[in-house]
Amino acid sequence: MMRFRYDEQLSKLNASLIEMGALVERAIANAAKALEERDVKTARRIIAEDETIDEQERDIESACLKLLLHQQPVAGDLRQVSTALKMITDMERIGDHASDISELCVYLAGQTYIKKLEHISSMANATIKMVKESIDSFVKKDLDLAQSVIAYDDVVDDLYSTIKKELIGLVHENVDNGEQAFDLLQIAKYYERIGDHAVNIAEWVIFSITGMHKDKQVL
């Protein structure tokens, strides 16, 4: 009976993580769309909705702590709950970065862009893929998927390097491009950090399955 109740609570925890993951995925996608379309209304909505992601983090954290305190989980279950606690911290930061991007969208909305945003859009799509698959890997206990997320971070890093070189070149061509170039580079940096947070999630998923974190035996 105790095990059934515990499994039920773990199932609810997974559902909450999926829900929080969907919120941050949508925030990243909408931030990219708002930037491309200069959509101030959508950007402001993303900023406002960041509080919902913060509330979700607090709720899941509370559920995890109750599981730890009342159920006294064995090693495998303990890894799963402690991984969930780590994941929500990274997901909350991803939500923050989507909000940061949206704030810059509002600022840039009245300007003509100094370059096409195709590489920034590609970064957004790449990080959405990483975030989704990192959370899926936890729910499915899929070690290969978690490892593929870590490997895919190279795609995001390469796109960031490309954007950085392009923006530096535009500033060399015309110093007046400097301010917007800095803002666009900051947006790219936020996407790069989102990719890093997805890697963190994937590394903790590997820990939840194997007890290894960054090639060290932890639990």
Protein backbone atom coordinates (compact mmCIF):
# COMPACT_ATOMS: atom_id res chain seq x y z
CA MET A 1 0.00 0.00 0.00
CA MET A 2 2.81 2.39 0.92
CA ARG A 3 4.59 1.60 -2.36
CA PHE A 4 1.42 2.18 -4.36
CA ARG A 5 0.93 5.57 -2.71
CA TYR A 6 4.57 6.48 -3.32
CA ASP A 7 4.34 5.49 -7.00
CA GLU A 8 1.20 7.58 -7.32
CA GLN A 9 3.01 10.62 -5.88
CA LEU A 10 5.97 10.05 -8.23
CA SER A 11 3.55 9.91 -11.15
CA LYS A 12 2.05 13.25 -10.07
CA LEU A 13 5.57 14.68 -9.75
CA ASN A 14 6.38 13.60 -13.33
CA ALA A 15 3.14 15.18 -14.58
CA SER A 16 4.04 18.46 -12.85
CA LEU A 17 7.53 18.40 -14.38
CA ILE A 18 6.03 17.85 -17.85
CA GLU A 19 3.65 20.77 -17.25
CA MET A 20 6.47 23.06 -16.12
CA GLY A 21 8.57 21.92 -19.07
CA ALA A 22 5.74 22.78 -21.47
CA LEU A 23 5.52 26.27 -19.92
CA VAL A 24 9.23 26.99 -20.43
CA GLU A 25 9.25 25.49 -23.94
CA ARG A 26 6.33 27.76 -24.88
CA ALA A 27 8.07 30.76 -23.33
CA ILE A 28 11.22 30.17 -25.42
CA ALA A 29 9.21 29.65 -28.63
CA ASN A 30 7.04 32.71 -28.05
CA ALA A 31 10.06 34.87 -27.20
CA ALA A 32 11.66 33.90 -30.53
CA LYS A 33 8.42 34.65 -32.38
CA ALA A 34 8.02 37.99 -30.58
CA LEU A 35 11.57 38.98 -31.53
CA GLU A 36 11.13 38.06 -35.18
CA GLU A 37 7.74 39.76 -35.53
CA ARG A 38 8.47 42.71 -33.20
CA ASP A 39 5.42 41.60 -31.21
CA VAL A 40 5.47 43.71 -28.05
CA LYS A 41 2.16 42.31 -26.77
CA THR A 42 3.45 38.73 -26.82
CA ALA A 43 6.79 39.78 -25.30
CA ARG A 44 5.03 41.49 -22.39
CA ARG A 45 2.82 38.44 -21.85
CA ILE A 46 5.91 36.21 -21.57
CA ILE A 47 7.38 38.57 -18.98
CA ALA A 48 4.14 38.46 -16.96
CA GLU A 49 3.84 34.65 -17.25
CA ASP A 50 7.29 34.13 -15.75
CA GLU A 51 5.62 34.32 -12.33
CA THR A 52 3.57 31.22 -13.23
CA ILE A 53 6.82 29.30 -13.88
CA ASP A 54 8.19 30.52 -10.54
CA GLU A 55 5.03 29.29 -8.78
CA GLN A 56 5.34 25.93 -10.50
CA GLU A 57 8.92 25.63 -9.22
CA ARG A 58 7.78 26.32 -5.65
CA ASP A 59 4.93 23.79 -5.88
CA ILE A 60 7.17 21.01 -7.25
CA GLU A 61 9.86 21.78 -4.69
CA SER A 62 7.26 21.42 -1.92
CA ALA A 63 6.04 18.10 -3.38
CA CYS A 64 9.62 16.78 -3.56
CA LEU A 65 10.37 17.74 0.03
CA LYS A 66 7.17 16.05 1.24
CA LEU A 67 8.18 12.86 -0.58
CA LEU A 68 11.63 12.95 0.99
CA LEU A 69 10.31 13.64 4.50
CA HIS A 70 7.35 11.26 4.60
CA GLN A 71 8.26 8.36 2.34
CA GLN A 72 11.96 7.83 3.16
CA PRO A 73 12.78 6.70 -0.40
CA VAL A 74 15.38 4.05 -1.21
CA ALA A 75 18.40 4.90 -3.39
CA GLY A 76 16.76 4.73 -6.84
CA ASP A 77 13.72 6.74 -5.75
CA LEU A 78 15.91 9.18 -3.85
CA ARG A 79 17.88 9.86 -7.03
CA GLN A 80 14.65 10.52 -8.93
CA VAL A 81 13.30 13.01 -6.38
CA SER A 82 16.63 14.81 -5.91
CA THR A 83 16.98 15.03 -9.71
CA ALA A 84 13.54 16.64 -9.93
CA LEU A 85 14.69 19.25 -7.39
CA LYS A 86 17.75 20.03 -9.53
CA MET A 87 15.73 20.12 -12.76
CA ILE A 88 13.21 22.69 -11.57
CA THR A 89 16.01 25.09 -10.67
CA ASP A 90 17.30 24.91 -14.24
CA MET A 91 13.80 25.17 -15.70
CA GLU A 92 13.09 28.26 -13.62
CA ARG A 93 16.29 29.86 -14.95
CA ILE A 94 15.23 28.98 -18.51
CA GLY A 95 11.97 30.83 -17.85
CA ASP A 96 13.97 33.81 -16.57
CA HIS A 97 16.05 33.86 -19.77
CA ALA A 98 12.90 33.74 -21.94
CA SER A 99 11.68 36.76 -19.96
CA ASP A 100 15.06 38.50 -20.43
CA ILE A 101 14.85 37.94 -24.19
CA SER A 102 11.30 39.31 -24.17
CA GLU A 103 12.41 42.49 -22.39
CA LEU A 104 14.95 43.07 -25.16
CA CYS A 105 12.19 42.36 -27.73
CA VAL A 106 10.18 45.24 -26.27
CA TYR A 107 13.22 47.52 -26.42
CA LEU A 108 14.10 46.59 -30.02
CA ALA A 109 10.53 46.54 -31.37
CA GLY A 110 10.70 50.02 -32.92
CA GLN A 111 14.05 49.48 -34.62
CA THR A 112 15.03 48.10 -38.02
CA TYR A 113 17.19 45.05 -37.45
CA ILE A 114 20.78 45.36 -38.65
CA LYS A 115 20.81 41.72 -39.75
CA LYS A 116 18.44 38.87 -40.54
CA LEU A 117 17.62 36.83 -37.45
CA GLU A 118 17.83 33.36 -39.04
CA HIS A 119 20.71 32.18 -36.85
CA ILE A 120 19.04 33.47 -33.68
CA SER A 121 15.84 31.67 -34.75
CA SER A 122 17.91 28.52 -35.31
CA MET A 123 19.35 28.90 -31.80
CA ALA A 124 15.84 29.23 -30.39
CA ASN A 125 14.68 26.07 -32.18
CA ALA A 126 17.78 24.16 -31.07
CA THR A 127 17.30 25.12 -27.41
CA ILE A 128 13.58 24.25 -27.52
CA LYS A 129 14.58 20.79 -28.80
CA MET A 130 17.17 20.43 -26.02
CA VAL A 131 14.80 21.49 -23.25
CA LYS A 132 11.99 19.22 -24.47
CA GLU A 133 14.25 16.20 -24.91
CA SER A 134 16.02 16.70 -21.58
CA ILE A 135 12.67 16.61 -19.75
CA ASP A 136 11.43 13.71 -21.90
CA SER A 137 14.58 11.77 -21.03
CA PHE A 138 13.74 12.10 -17.33
CA VAL A 139 10.13 11.00 -17.72
CA LYS A 140 11.05 8.07 -20.00
CA LYS A 141 14.25 7.22 -18.06
CA ASP A 142 16.02 7.33 -21.43
CA LEU A 143 19.79 7.44 -20.98
CA ASP A 144 20.55 7.69 -24.72
CA LEU A 145 18.22 10.68 -25.12
CA ALA A 146 19.85 12.48 -22.17
CA GLN A 147 23.30 11.91 -23.68
CA SER A 148 22.13 13.16 -27.09
CA VAL A 149 20.98 16.42 -25.46
CA ILE A 150 24.47 16.97 -24.06
CA ALA A 151 26.05 16.30 -27.47
CA TYR A 152 23.58 18.63 -29.23
CA ASP A 153 24.83 21.58 -27.19
CA ASP A 154 27.67 21.87 -29.73
CA VAL A 155 25.07 22.99 -32.30
CA VAL A 156 23.98 25.86 -30.04
CA ASP A 157 27.57 26.85 -29.26
CA ASP A 158 28.47 26.90 -32.98
CA LEU A 159 25.45 29.10 -33.77
CA TYR A 160 26.45 31.49 -30.99
CA SER A 161 29.98 31.76 -32.44
CA THR A 162 28.53 32.45 -35.91
CA ILE A 163 26.23 35.19 -34.59
CA LYS A 164 29.05 36.77 -32.61
CA LYS A 165 31.33 36.92 -35.67
CA GLU A 166 28.57 38.39 -37.83
CA LEU A 167 27.73 41.09 -35.29
CA ILE A 168 31.38 42.05 -34.78
CA GLY A 169 31.68 42.39 -38.57
CA LEU A 170 28.62 44.68 -38.70
CA VAL A 171 30.09 46.91 -36.01
CA HIS A 172 33.38 47.14 -37.95
CA GLU A 173 31.38 48.18 -41.04
CA ASN A 174 29.43 50.84 -39.16
CA VAL A 175 30.03 51.85 -35.56
CA ASP A 176 26.38 53.00 -35.34
CA ASN A 177 25.41 49.33 -35.38
CA GLY A 178 27.14 48.88 -32.02
CA GLU A 179 24.22 49.28 -29.62
CA GLN A 180 21.84 46.93 -31.42
CA ALA A 181 24.65 44.47 -32.11
CA PHE A 182 25.25 44.28 -28.35
CA ASP A 183 21.53 43.68 -27.69
CA LEU A 184 21.29 40.92 -30.32
CA LEU A 185 24.44 39.31 -28.96
CA GLN A 186 22.91 39.39 -25.49
CA ILE A 187 19.82 37.60 -26.85
CA ALA A 188 22.06 34.95 -28.42
CA LYS A 189 23.87 34.62 -25.08
CA TYR A 190 20.56 34.00 -23.30
CA TYR A 191 19.80 31.19 -25.76
CA GLU A 192 23.27 29.75 -25.20
CA ARG A 193 22.58 29.74 -21.45
CA ILE A 194 19.24 28.02 -22.03
CA GLY A 195 21.18 25.30 -23.85
CA ASP A 196 23.54 25.04 -20.87
CA HIS A 197 20.58 24.61 -18.50
CA ALA A 198 19.19 21.84 -20.73
CA VAL A 199 22.60 20.13 -20.49
CA ASN A 200 22.44 20.45 -16.69
CA ILE A 201 19.02 18.77 -16.71
CA ALA A 202 20.31 15.95 -18.94
CA GLU A 203 23.32 15.41 -16.66
CA TRP A 204 21.01 15.07 -13.65
CA VAL A 205 18.81 12.65 -15.61
CA ILE A 206 21.89 10.49 -16.18
CA PHE A 207 22.49 10.65 -12.41
CA SER A 208 18.89 9.61 -11.70
CA ILE A 209 19.37 6.51 -13.88
CA THR A 210 22.97 5.53 -13.10
CA GLY A 211 23.97 7.27 -9.86
CA MET A 212 26.80 8.92 -11.83
CA HIS A 213 27.10 12.69 -12.18
CA LYS A 214 29.75 14.00 -14.59
CA ASP A 215 31.54 10.61 -14.48
CA LYS A 216 31.60 10.51 -10.67
CA GLN A 217 29.66 7.99 -8.59
CA VAL A 218 27.39 10.01 -6.30
CA LEU A 219 24.59 7.70 -5.10
